Amino acid sequence: MHTERRKLLTIIAEAALEQSLVKDIERLGAHGYTITDARGKGSRGIRNADWDRSGNIRLEVVCDAATAEAIAGDFRSRYYDNYAMILFIGDVDVLRPEKFLAQRNP
């Protein structure tokens, strides 16, 4: 079975940011993303996904390294100081690599 290496960028953030984050992800070249509700406890206390926009979301983006780094850098500079957000990047092997090519918007 042939696989190719891509990056998995995971973003845990306040649900109220969803629309802004989606626009930014697309602007920065990602083909797609997956969003799920998230809950847990961190430095800003317990976040409960039961409360619509006061909960957290988990955004996952499979993309090339350059796109993952562009999104992470942009989010870190624009959101980290004022919002509850964490980012992490890991390697993943994908079976359909053509689905995860970068697309740059003019």
PDB file of N, CA and C in Angstrom:
ATOM      1  N   MET A   1       0.846  -1.170   0.000  1.00  0.00           N
ATOM      2  CA  MET A   1       0.000   0.000   0.000  1.00  0.00           C
ATOM      3  C   MET A   1       0.893   1.236   0.000  1.00  0.00           C
ATOM      4  N   HIS A   2       0.662   2.134  -0.932  1.00  0.00           N
ATOM      5  CA  HIS A   2       1.447   3.357  -1.048  1.00  0.00           C
ATOM      6  C   HIS A   2       0.817   4.474  -0.215  1.00  0.00           C
ATOM      7  N   THR A   3       1.620   5.098   0.617  1.00  0.00           N
ATOM      8  CA  THR A   3       1.178   6.262   1.392  1.00  0.00           C
ATOM      9  C   THR A   3       2.183   7.391   1.187  1.00  0.00           C
ATOM     10  N   GLU A   4       1.744   8.595   1.489  1.00  0.00           N
ATOM     11  CA  GLU A   4       2.639   9.753   1.476  1.00  0.00           C
ATOM     12  C   GLU A   4       2.477  10.515   2.779  1.00  0.00           C
ATOM     13  N   ARG A   5       3.543  11.128   3.208  1.00  0.00           N
ATOM     14  CA  ARG A   5       3.574  11.867   4.466  1.00  0.00           C
ATOM     15  C   ARG A   5       2.992  13.260   4.291  1.00  0.00           C
ATOM     16  N   ARG A   6       2.105  13.633   5.203  1.00  0.00           N
ATOM     17  CA  ARG A   6       1.557  14.980   5.296  1.00  0.00           C
ATOM     18  C   ARG A   6       1.592  15.389   6.763  1.00  0.00           C
ATOM     19  N   LYS A   7       1.149  16.589   7.045  1.00  0.00           N
ATOM     20  CA  LYS A   7       1.066  17.084   8.421  1.00  0.00           C
ATOM     21  C   LYS A   7      -0.389  17.111   8.850  1.00  0.00           C
ATOM     22  N   LEU A   8      -0.617  16.800  10.109  1.00  0.00           N
ATOM     23  CA  LEU A   8      -1.931  16.958  10.726  1.00  0.00           C
ATOM     24  C   LEU A   8      -1.805  18.111  11.714  1.00  0.00           C
ATOM     25  N   LEU A   9      -2.461  19.216  11.383  1.00  0.00           N
ATOM     26  CA  LEU A   9      -2.516  20.374  12.267  1.00  0.00           C
ATOM     27  C   LEU A   9      -3.813  20.281  13.052  1.00  0.00           C
ATOM     28  N   THR A  10      -3.701  20.264  14.369  1.00  0.00           N
ATOM     29  CA  THR A  10      -4.871  20.214  15.239  1.00  0.00           C
ATOM     30  C   THR A  10      -4.947  21.526  16.003  1.00  0.00           C
ATOM     31  N   ILE A  11      -6.140  22.111  15.987  1.00  0.00           N
ATOM     32  CA  ILE A  11      -6.390  23.386  16.644  1.00  0.00           C
ATOM     33  C   ILE A  11      -7.545  23.181  17.617  1.00  0.00           C
ATOM     34  N   ILE A  12      -7.332  23.461  18.877  1.00  0.00           N
ATOM     35  CA  ILE A  12      -8.399  23.454  19.873  1.00  0.00           C
ATOM     36  C   ILE A  12      -8.620  24.913  20.238  1.00  0.00           C
ATOM     37  N   ALA A  13      -9.845  25.384  20.038  1.00  0.00           N
ATOM     38  CA  ALA A  13     -10.111  26.810  20.230  1.00  0.00           C
ATOM     39  C   ALA A  13     -11.542  27.035  20.692  1.00  0.00           C
ATOM     40  N   GLU A  14     -11.795  28.249  21.103  1.00  0.00           N
ATOM     41  CA  GLU A  14     -13.143  28.643  21.508  1.00  0.00           C
ATOM     42  C   GLU A  14     -14.094  28.528  20.313  1.00  0.00           C
ATOM     43  N   ALA A  15     -15.262  27.964  20.547  1.00  0.00           N
ATOM     44  CA  ALA A  15     -16.244  27.769  19.474  1.00  0.00           C
ATOM     45  C   ALA A  15     -16.654  29.089  18.828  1.00  0.00           C
ATOM     46  N   ALA A  16     -16.611  30.168  19.566  1.00  0.00           N
ATOM     47  CA  ALA A  16     -16.995  31.473  19.016  1.00  0.00           C
ATOM     48  C   ALA A  16     -16.091  31.899  17.863  1.00  0.00           C
ATOM     49  N   LEU A  17     -14.910  31.315  17.754  1.00  0.00           N
ATOM     50  CA  LEU A  17     -13.962  31.666  16.693  1.00  0.00           C
ATOM     51  C   LEU A  17     -14.154  30.853  15.408  1.00  0.00           C
ATOM     52  N   GLU A  18     -15.068  29.916  15.399  1.00  0.00           N
ATOM     53  CA  GLU A  18     -15.163  28.969  14.291  1.00  0.00           C
ATOM     54  C   GLU A  18     -15.183  29.622  12.916  1.00  0.00           C
ATOM     55  N   GLN A  19     -16.064  30.559  12.685  1.00  0.00           N
ATOM     56  CA  GLN A  19     -16.177  31.167  11.355  1.00  0.00           C
ATOM     57  C   GLN A  19     -14.893  31.886  10.944  1.00  0.00           C
ATOM     58  N   SER A  20     -14.276  32.596  11.858  1.00  0.00           N
ATOM     59  CA  SER A  20     -13.027  33.294  11.559  1.00  0.00           C
ATOM     60  C   SER A  20     -11.909  32.309  11.250  1.00  0.00           C
ATOM     61  N   LEU A  21     -11.817  31.248  12.031  1.00  0.00           N
ATOM     62  CA  LEU A  21     -10.757  30.265  11.820  1.00  0.00           C
ATOM     63  C   LEU A  21     -10.921  29.548  10.489  1.00  0.00           C
ATOM     64  N   VAL A  22     -12.150  29.212  10.134  1.00  0.00           N
ATOM     65  CA  VAL A  22     -12.410  28.548   8.853  1.00  0.00           C
ATOM     66  C   VAL A  22     -11.986  29.439   7.690  1.00  0.00           C
ATOM     67  N   LYS A  23     -12.335  30.702   7.745  1.00  0.00           N
ATOM     68  CA  LYS A  23     -11.927  31.639   6.680  1.00  0.00           C
ATOM     69  C   LYS A  23     -10.413  31.730   6.590  1.00  0.00           C
ATOM     70  N   ASP A  24      -9.759  31.788   7.744  1.00  0.00           N
ATOM     71  CA  ASP A  24      -8.301  31.881   7.761  1.00  0.00           C
ATOM     72  C   ASP A  24      -7.653  30.610   7.210  1.00  0.00           C
ATOM     73  N   ILE A  25      -8.177  29.464   7.590  1.00  0.00           N
ATOM     74  CA  ILE A  25      -7.642  28.184   7.105  1.00  0.00           C
ATOM     75  C   ILE A  25      -7.713  28.124   5.587  1.00  0.00           C
ATOM     76  N   GLU A  26      -8.841  28.519   5.035  1.00  0.00           N
ATOM     77  CA  GLU A  26      -9.001  28.498   3.577  1.00  0.00           C
ATOM     78  C   GLU A  26      -8.105  29.540   2.911  1.00  0.00           C
ATOM     79  N   ARG A  27      -8.028  30.727   3.496  1.00  0.00           N
ATOM     80  CA  ARG A  27      -7.184  31.795   2.942  1.00  0.00           C
ATOM     81  C   ARG A  27      -5.718  31.378   2.911  1.00  0.00           C
ATOM     82  N   LEU A  28      -5.307  30.594   3.893  1.00  0.00           N
ATOM     83  CA  LEU A  28      -3.907  30.200   4.008  1.00  0.00           C
ATOM     84  C   LEU A  28      -3.574  28.933   3.220  1.00  0.00           C
ATOM     85  N   GLY A  29      -4.539  28.406   2.452  1.00  0.00           N
ATOM     86  CA  GLY A  29      -4.224  27.367   1.487  1.00  0.00           C
ATOM     87  C   GLY A  29      -4.653  25.951   1.774  1.00  0.00           C
ATOM     88  N   ALA A  30      -5.352  25.689   2.867  1.00  0.00           N
ATOM     89  CA  ALA A  30      -5.783  24.317   3.141  1.00  0.00           C
ATOM     90  C   ALA A  30      -6.971  23.940   2.260  1.00  0.00           C
ATOM     91  N   HIS A  31      -6.997  22.706   1.819  1.00  0.00           N
ATOM     92  CA  HIS A  31      -8.093  22.194   0.991  1.00  0.00           C
ATOM     93  C   HIS A  31      -9.365  21.968   1.790  1.00  0.00           C
ATOM     94  N   GLY A  32      -9.213  21.525   3.018  1.00  0.00           N
ATOM     95  CA  GLY A  32     -10.387  21.203   3.827  1.00  0.00           C
ATOM     96  C   GLY A  32     -10.012  21.074   5.285  1.00  0.00           C
ATOM     97  N   TYR A  33     -10.981  20.706   6.078  1.00  0.00           N
ATOM     98  CA  TYR A  33     -10.802  20.611   7.518  1.00  0.00           C
ATOM     99  C   TYR A  33     -11.940  19.776   8.087  1.00  0.00           C
ATOM    100  N   THR A  34     -11.765  19.335   9.315  1.00  0.00           N
ATOM    101  CA  THR A  34     -12.810  18.655  10.066  1.00  0.00           C
ATOM    102  C   THR A  34     -12.977  19.394  11.380  1.00  0.00           C
ATOM    103  N   ILE A  35     -14.228  19.626  11.776  1.00  0.00           N
ATOM    104  CA  ILE A  35     -14.509  20.310  13.034  1.00  0.00           C
ATOM    105  C   ILE A  35     -15.386  19.411  13.900  1.00  0.00           C
ATOM    106  N   THR A  36     -14.995  19.263  15.168  1.00  0.00           N
ATOM    107  CA  THR A  36     -15.799  18.536  16.142  1.00  0.00           C
ATOM    108  C   THR A  36     -15.867  19.360  17.426  1.00  0.00           C
ATOM    109  N   ASP A  37     -16.881  19.107  18.219  1.00  0.00           N
ATOM    110  CA  ASP A  37     -16.967  19.744  19.529  1.00  0.00           C
ATOM    111  C   ASP A  37     -15.904  19.126  20.426  1.00  0.00           C
ATOM    112  N   ALA A  38     -15.381  19.924  21.348  1.00  0.00           N
ATOM    113  CA  ALA A  38     -14.342  19.443  22.261  1.00  0.00           C
ATOM    114  C   ALA A  38     -14.621  19.966  23.662  1.00  0.00           C
ATOM    115  N   ARG A  39     -14.191  19.209  24.622  1.00  0.00           N
ATOM    116  CA  ARG A  39     -14.294  19.658  26.001  1.00  0.00           C
ATOM    117  C   ARG A  39     -13.068  19.162  26.746  1.00  0.00           C
ATOM    118  N   GLY A  40     -12.752  19.825  27.832  1.00  0.00           N
ATOM    119  CA  GLY A  40     -11.582  19.437  28.603  1.00  0.00           C
ATOM    120  C   GLY A  40     -11.205  20.506  29.597  1.00  0.00           C
ATOM    121  N   LYS A  41     -10.017  20.359  30.138  1.00  0.00           N
ATOM    122  CA  LYS A  41      -9.527  21.291  31.143  1.00  0.00           C
ATOM    123  C   LYS A  41      -8.102  21.692  30.770  1.00  0.00           C
ATOM    124  N   GLY A  42      -7.826  22.977  30.899  1.00  0.00           N
ATOM    125  CA  GLY A  42      -6.491  23.488  30.610  1.00  0.00           C
ATOM    126  C   GLY A  42      -6.182  24.670  31.489  1.00  0.00           C
ATOM    127  N   SER A  43      -5.248  25.468  31.040  1.00  0.00           N
ATOM    128  CA  SER A  43      -4.803  26.607  31.850  1.00  0.00           C
ATOM    129  C   SER A  43      -5.896  27.645  32.071  1.00  0.00           C
ATOM    130  N   ARG A  44      -6.899  27.644  31.222  1.00  0.00           N
ATOM    131  CA  ARG A  44      -8.006  28.604  31.376  1.00  0.00           C
ATOM    132  C   ARG A  44      -9.242  27.962  32.003  1.00  0.00           C
ATOM    133  N   GLY A  45      -9.069  26.805  32.623  1.00  0.00           N
ATOM    134  CA  GLY A  45     -10.158  26.145  33.334  1.00  0.00           C
ATOM    135  C   GLY A  45     -10.851  25.086  32.506  1.00  0.00           C
ATOM    136  N   ILE A  46     -12.014  24.670  32.968  1.00  0.00           N
ATOM    137  CA  ILE A  46     -12.799  23.638  32.298  1.00  0.00           C
ATOM    138  C   ILE A  46     -13.643  24.267  31.212  1.00  0.00           C
ATOM    139  N   ARG A  47     -13.630  23.661  30.015  1.00  0.00           N
ATOM    140  CA  ARG A  47     -14.454  24.113  28.889  1.00  0.00           C
ATOM    141  C   ARG A  47     -15.445  23.005  28.589  1.00  0.00           C
ATOM    142  N   ASN A  48     -16.711  23.351  28.579  1.00  0.00           N
ATOM    143  CA  ASN A  48     -17.774  22.374  28.386  1.00  0.00           C
ATOM    144  C   ASN A  48     -18.404  22.566  27.011  1.00  0.00           C
ATOM    145  N   ALA A  49     -18.413  21.537  26.183  1.00  0.00           N
ATOM    146  CA  ALA A  49     -18.956  21.616  24.820  1.00  0.00           C
ATOM    147  C   ALA A  49     -20.475  21.687  24.801  1.00  0.00           C
ATOM    148  N   ASP A  50     -21.132  21.536  25.950  1.00  0.00           N
ATOM    149  CA  ASP A  50     -22.594  21.568  25.996  1.00  0.00           C
ATOM    150  C   ASP A  50     -23.159  22.978  25.795  1.00  0.00           C
ATOM    151  N   TRP A  51     -22.345  23.998  25.869  1.00  0.00           N
ATOM    152  CA  TRP A  51     -22.846  25.357  25.843  1.00  0.00           C
ATOM    153  C   TRP A  51     -22.573  26.053  24.527  1.00  0.00           C
ATOM    154  N   ASP A  52     -22.971  25.493  23.440  1.00  0.00           N
ATOM    155  CA  ASP A  52     -22.837  26.080  22.111  1.00  0.00           C
ATOM    156  C   ASP A  52     -21.552  26.883  21.949  1.00  0.00           C
ATOM    157  N   ARG A  53     -21.673  28.195  21.867  1.00  0.00           N
ATOM    158  CA  ARG A  53     -20.542  29.046  21.516  1.00  0.00           C
ATOM    159  C   ARG A  53     -19.588  29.289  22.679  1.00  0.00           C
ATOM    160  N   SER A  54     -19.912  28.835  23.881  1.00  0.00           N
ATOM    161  CA  SER A  54     -18.967  29.005  24.983  1.00  0.00           C
ATOM    162  C   SER A  54     -18.073  27.781  25.139  1.00  0.00           C
ATOM    163  N   GLY A  55     -18.316  26.746  24.353  1.00  0.00           N
ATOM    164  CA  GLY A  55     -17.494  25.549  24.397  1.00  0.00           C
ATOM    165  C   GLY A  55     -16.272  25.679  23.511  1.00  0.00           C
ATOM    166  N   ASN A  56     -15.630  24.557  23.278  1.00  0.00           N
ATOM    167  CA  ASN A  56     -14.454  24.497  22.418  1.00  0.00           C
ATOM    168  C   ASN A  56     -14.764  23.681  21.173  1.00  0.00           C
ATOM    169  N   ILE A  57     -13.992  23.925  20.143  1.00  0.00           N
ATOM    170  CA  ILE A  57     -14.030  23.100  18.951  1.00  0.00           C
ATOM    171  C   ILE A  57     -12.632  22.565  18.693  1.00  0.00           C
ATOM    172  N   ARG A  58     -12.589  21.470  17.960  1.00  0.00           N
ATOM    173  CA  ARG A  58     -11.328  20.873  17.518  1.00  0.00           C
ATOM    174  C   ARG A  58     -11.340  20.900  16.001  1.00  0.00           C
ATOM    175  N   LEU A  59     -10.418  21.636  15.408  1.00  0.00           N
ATOM    176  CA  LEU A  59     -10.270  21.687  13.956  1.00  0.00           C
ATOM    177  C   LEU A  59      -9.057  20.861  13.585  1.00  0.00           C
ATOM    178  N   GLU A  60      -9.217  19.999  12.594  1.00  0.00           N
ATOM    179  CA  GLU A  60      -8.102  19.196  12.119  1.00  0.00           C
ATOM    180  C   GLU A  60      -7.917  19.458  10.635  1.00  0.00           C
ATOM    181  N   VAL A  61      -6.676  19.712  10.248  1.00  0.00           N
ATOM    182  CA  VAL A  61      -6.336  20.014   8.869  1.00  0.00           C
ATOM    183  C   VAL A  61      -5.188  19.089   8.462  1.00  0.00           C
ATOM    184  N   VAL A  62      -5.390  18.303   7.408  1.00  0.00           N
ATOM    185  CA  VAL A  62      -4.316  17.502   6.829  1.00  0.00           C
ATOM    186  C   VAL A  62      -3.800  18.280   5.626  1.00  0.00           C
ATOM    187  N   CYS A  63      -2.500  18.567   5.609  1.00  0.00           N
ATOM    188  CA  CYS A  63      -1.933  19.428   4.568  1.00  0.00           C
ATOM    189  C   CYS A  63      -0.426  19.216   4.497  1.00  0.00           C
ATOM    190  N   ASP A  64       0.224  19.945   3.610  1.00  0.00           N
ATOM    191  CA  ASP A  64       1.682  19.874   3.545  1.00  0.00           C
ATOM    192  C   ASP A  64       2.287  20.693   4.686  1.00  0.00           C
ATOM    193  N   ALA A  65       3.572  20.524   4.899  1.00  0.00           N
ATOM    194  CA  ALA A  65       4.254  21.187   6.018  1.00  0.00           C
ATOM    195  C   ALA A  65       4.188  22.703   5.921  1.00  0.00           C
ATOM    196  N   ALA A  66       4.348  23.243   4.727  1.00  0.00           N
ATOM    197  CA  ALA A  66       4.341  24.702   4.569  1.00  0.00           C
ATOM    198  C   ALA A  66       2.989  25.297   4.942  1.00  0.00           C
ATOM    199  N   THR A  67       1.913  24.630   4.550  1.00  0.00           N
ATOM    200  CA  THR A  67       0.571  25.120   4.878  1.00  0.00           C
ATOM    201  C   THR A  67       0.318  25.023   6.377  1.00  0.00           C
ATOM    202  N   ALA A  68       0.706  23.915   6.992  1.00  0.00           N
ATOM    203  CA  ALA A  68       0.537  23.753   8.448  1.00  0.00           C
ATOM    204  C   ALA A  68       1.293  24.841   9.200  1.00  0.00           C
ATOM    205  N   GLU A  69       2.509  25.112   8.776  1.00  0.00           N
ATOM    206  CA  GLU A  69       3.307  26.143   9.439  1.00  0.00           C
ATOM    207  C   GLU A  69       2.723  27.538   9.226  1.00  0.00           C
ATOM    208  N   ALA A  70       2.197  27.798   8.023  1.00  0.00           N
ATOM    209  CA  ALA A  70       1.587  29.110   7.752  1.00  0.00           C
ATOM    210  C   ALA A  70       0.363  29.332   8.628  1.00  0.00           C
ATOM    211  N   ILE A  71      -0.491  28.322   8.736  1.00  0.00           N
ATOM    212  CA  ILE A  71      -1.700  28.440   9.562  1.00  0.00           C
ATOM    213  C   ILE A  71      -1.308  28.600  11.030  1.00  0.00           C
ATOM    214  N   ALA A  72      -0.415  27.742  11.515  1.00  0.00           N
ATOM    215  CA  ALA A  72      -0.008  27.800  12.922  1.00  0.00           C
ATOM    216  C   ALA A  72       0.615  29.151  13.263  1.00  0.00           C
ATOM    217  N   GLY A  73       1.476  29.658  12.403  1.00  0.00           N
ATOM    218  CA  GLY A  73       2.109  30.952  12.662  1.00  0.00           C
ATOM    219  C   GLY A  73       1.107  32.088  12.682  1.00  0.00           C
ATOM    220  N   ASP A  74       0.172  32.063  11.730  1.00  0.00           N
ATOM    221  CA  ASP A  74      -0.858  33.099  11.664  1.00  0.00           C
ATOM    222  C   ASP A  74      -1.744  33.052  12.910  1.00  0.00           C
ATOM    223  N   PHE A  75      -2.191  31.869  13.297  1.00  0.00           N
ATOM    224  CA  PHE A  75      -3.078  31.741  14.453  1.00  0.00           C
ATOM    225  C   PHE A  75      -2.357  32.137  15.734  1.00  0.00           C
ATOM    226  N   ARG A  76      -1.107  31.736  15.834  1.00  0.00           N
ATOM    227  CA  ARG A  76      -0.355  32.078  17.043  1.00  0.00           C
ATOM    228  C   ARG A  76      -0.224  33.592  17.198  1.00  0.00           C
ATOM    229  N   SER A  77       0.064  34.278  16.118  1.00  0.00           N
ATOM    230  CA  SER A  77       0.239  35.730  16.212  1.00  0.00           C
ATOM    231  C   SER A  77      -1.085  36.475  16.354  1.00  0.00           C
ATOM    232  N   ARG A  78      -2.164  35.945  15.814  1.00  0.00           N
ATOM    233  CA  ARG A  78      -3.434  36.671  15.821  1.00  0.00           C
ATOM    234  C   ARG A  78      -4.365  36.305  16.974  1.00  0.00           C
ATOM    235  N   TYR A  79      -4.270  35.096  17.490  1.00  0.00           N
ATOM    236  CA  TYR A  79      -5.273  34.645  18.460  1.00  0.00           C
ATOM    237  C   TYR A  79      -4.729  34.291  19.849  1.00  0.00           C
ATOM    238  N   TYR A  80      -3.485  33.857  19.951  1.00  0.00           N
ATOM    239  CA  TYR A  80      -2.976  33.318  21.216  1.00  0.00           C
ATOM    240  C   TYR A  80      -3.123  34.274  22.399  1.00  0.00           C
ATOM    241  N   ASP A  81      -2.879  35.547  22.192  1.00  0.00           N
ATOM    242  CA  ASP A  81      -2.889  36.479  23.324  1.00  0.00           C
ATOM    243  C   ASP A  81      -4.270  36.712  23.930  1.00  0.00           C
ATOM    244  N   ASN A  82      -5.317  36.530  23.137  1.00  0.00           N
ATOM    245  CA  ASN A  82      -6.654  36.916  23.600  1.00  0.00           C
ATOM    246  C   ASN A  82      -7.680  35.797  23.671  1.00  0.00           C
ATOM    247  N   TYR A  83      -7.336  34.610  23.223  1.00  0.00           N
ATOM    248  CA  TYR A  83      -8.304  33.502  23.183  1.00  0.00           C
ATOM    249  C   TYR A  83      -7.674  32.225  23.703  1.00  0.00           C
ATOM    250  N   ALA A  84      -8.536  31.348  24.208  1.00  0.00           N
ATOM    251  CA  ALA A  84      -8.085  30.017  24.599  1.00  0.00           C
ATOM    252  C   ALA A  84      -7.867  29.216  23.315  1.00  0.00           C
ATOM    253  N   MET A  85      -6.613  28.836  23.057  1.00  0.00           N
ATOM    254  CA  MET A  85      -6.293  28.100  21.836  1.00  0.00           C
ATOM    255  C   MET A  85      -4.993  27.338  22.034  1.00  0.00           C
ATOM    256  N   ILE A  86      -4.963  26.111  21.523  1.00  0.00           N
ATOM    257  CA  ILE A  86      -3.705  25.375  21.438  1.00  0.00           C
ATOM    258  C   ILE A  86      -3.594  24.816  20.024  1.00  0.00           C
ATOM    259  N   LEU A  87      -2.372  24.648  19.587  1.00  0.00           N
ATOM    260  CA  LEU A  87      -2.077  24.103  18.264  1.00  0.00           C
ATOM    261  C   LEU A  87      -1.046  23.003  18.434  1.00  0.00           C
ATOM    262  N   PHE A  88      -1.189  21.946  17.656  1.00  0.00           N
ATOM    263  CA  PHE A  88      -0.108  20.968  17.578  1.00  0.00           C
ATOM    264  C   PHE A  88      -0.095  20.345  16.193  1.00  0.00           C
ATOM    265  N   ILE A  89       1.119  19.970  15.773  1.00  0.00           N
ATOM    266  CA  ILE A  89       1.349  19.452  14.431  1.00  0.00           C
ATOM    267  C   ILE A  89       2.047  18.102  14.558  1.00  0.00           C
ATOM    268  N   GLY A  90       1.562  17.126  13.789  1.00  0.00           N
ATOM    269  CA  GLY A  90       2.194  15.819  13.771  1.00  0.00           C
ATOM    270  C   GLY A  90       2.228  15.269  12.349  1.00  0.00           C
ATOM    271  N   ASP A  91       3.006  14.232  12.158  1.00  0.00           N
ATOM    272  CA  ASP A  91       3.082  13.568  10.865  1.00  0.00           C
ATOM    273  C   ASP A  91       1.972  12.541  10.730  1.00  0.00           C
ATOM    274  N   VAL A  92       1.403  12.452   9.544  1.00  0.00           N
ATOM    275  CA  VAL A  92       0.429  11.408   9.213  1.00  0.00           C
ATOM    276  C   VAL A  92       0.764  10.856   7.828  1.00  0.00           C
ATOM    277  N   ASP A  93       0.462   9.595   7.628  1.00  0.00           N
ATOM    278  CA  ASP A  93       0.616   8.970   6.318  1.00  0.00           C
ATOM    279  C   ASP A  93      -0.765   8.860   5.701  1.00  0.00           C
ATOM    280  N   VAL A  94      -0.930   9.428   4.500  1.00  0.00           N
ATOM    281  CA  VAL A  94      -2.244   9.444   3.853  1.00  0.00           C
ATOM    282  C   VAL A  94      -2.249   8.512   2.650  1.00  0.00           C
ATOM    283  N   LEU A  95      -3.423   7.954   2.366  1.00  0.00           N
ATOM    284  CA  LEU A  95      -3.587   7.016   1.261  1.00  0.00           C
ATOM    285  C   LEU A  95      -3.959   7.707  -0.040  1.00  0.00           C
ATOM    286  N   ARG A  96      -4.544   8.866   0.032  1.00  0.00           N
ATOM    287  CA  ARG A  96      -4.941   9.624  -1.160  1.00  0.00           C
ATOM    288  C   ARG A  96      -4.293  11.004  -1.102  1.00  0.00           C
ATOM    289  N   PRO A  97      -3.004  11.087  -1.350  1.00  0.00           N
ATOM    290  CA  PRO A  97      -2.274  12.345  -1.151  1.00  0.00           C
ATOM    291  C   PRO A  97      -2.766  13.494  -2.021  1.00  0.00           C
ATOM    292  N   GLU A  98      -3.356  13.208  -3.156  1.00  0.00           N
ATOM    293  CA  GLU A  98      -3.840  14.284  -4.033  1.00  0.00           C
ATOM    294  C   GLU A  98      -4.940  15.116  -3.374  1.00  0.00           C
ATOM    295  N   LYS A  99      -5.600  14.589  -2.367  1.00  0.00           N
ATOM    296  CA  LYS A  99      -6.650  15.326  -1.665  1.00  0.00           C
ATOM    297  C   LYS A  99      -6.081  16.400  -0.735  1.00  0.00           C
ATOM    298  N   PHE A 100      -4.783  16.359  -0.485  1.00  0.00           N
ATOM    299  CA  PHE A 100      -4.196  17.230   0.532  1.00  0.00           C
ATOM    300  C   PHE A 100      -3.117  18.151  -0.025  1.00  0.00           C
ATOM    301  N   LEU A 101      -3.198  18.476  -1.298  1.00  0.00           N
ATOM    302  CA  LEU A 101      -2.265  19.417  -1.890  1.00  0.00           C
ATOM    303  C   LEU A 101      -2.658  20.833  -1.490  1.00  0.00           C
ATOM    304  N   ALA A 102      -1.683  21.679  -1.381  1.00  0.00           N
ATOM    305  CA  ALA A 102      -1.957  23.071  -1.009  1.00  0.00           C
ATOM    306  C   ALA A 102      -2.657  23.793  -2.142  1.00  0.00           C
ATOM    307  N   GLN A 103      -3.564  24.643  -1.800  1.00  0.00           N
ATOM    308  CA  GLN A 103      -4.194  25.541  -2.782  1.00  0.00           C
ATOM    309  C   GLN A 103      -4.021  26.949  -2.278  1.00  0.00           C
ATOM    310  N   ARG A 104      -3.383  27.749  -3.018  1.00  0.00           N
ATOM    311  CA  ARG A 104      -3.137  29.127  -2.611  1.00  0.00           C
ATOM    312  C   ARG A 104      -4.175  30.026  -3.252  1.00  0.00           C
ATOM    313  N   ASN A 105      -4.771  30.855  -2.436  1.00  0.00           N
ATOM    314  CA  ASN A 105      -5.755  31.826  -2.937  1.00  0.00           C
ATOM    315  C   ASN A 105      -5.036  33.110  -3.303  1.00  0.00           C
ATOM    316  N   PRO A 106      -5.414  33.722  -4.399  1.00  0.00           N
ATOM    317  CA  PRO A 106      -4.764  34.983  -4.796  1.00  0.00           C
ATOM    318  C   PRO A 106      -5.066  36.109  -3.842  1.00  0.00           C
TER     319      PRO A 106
END
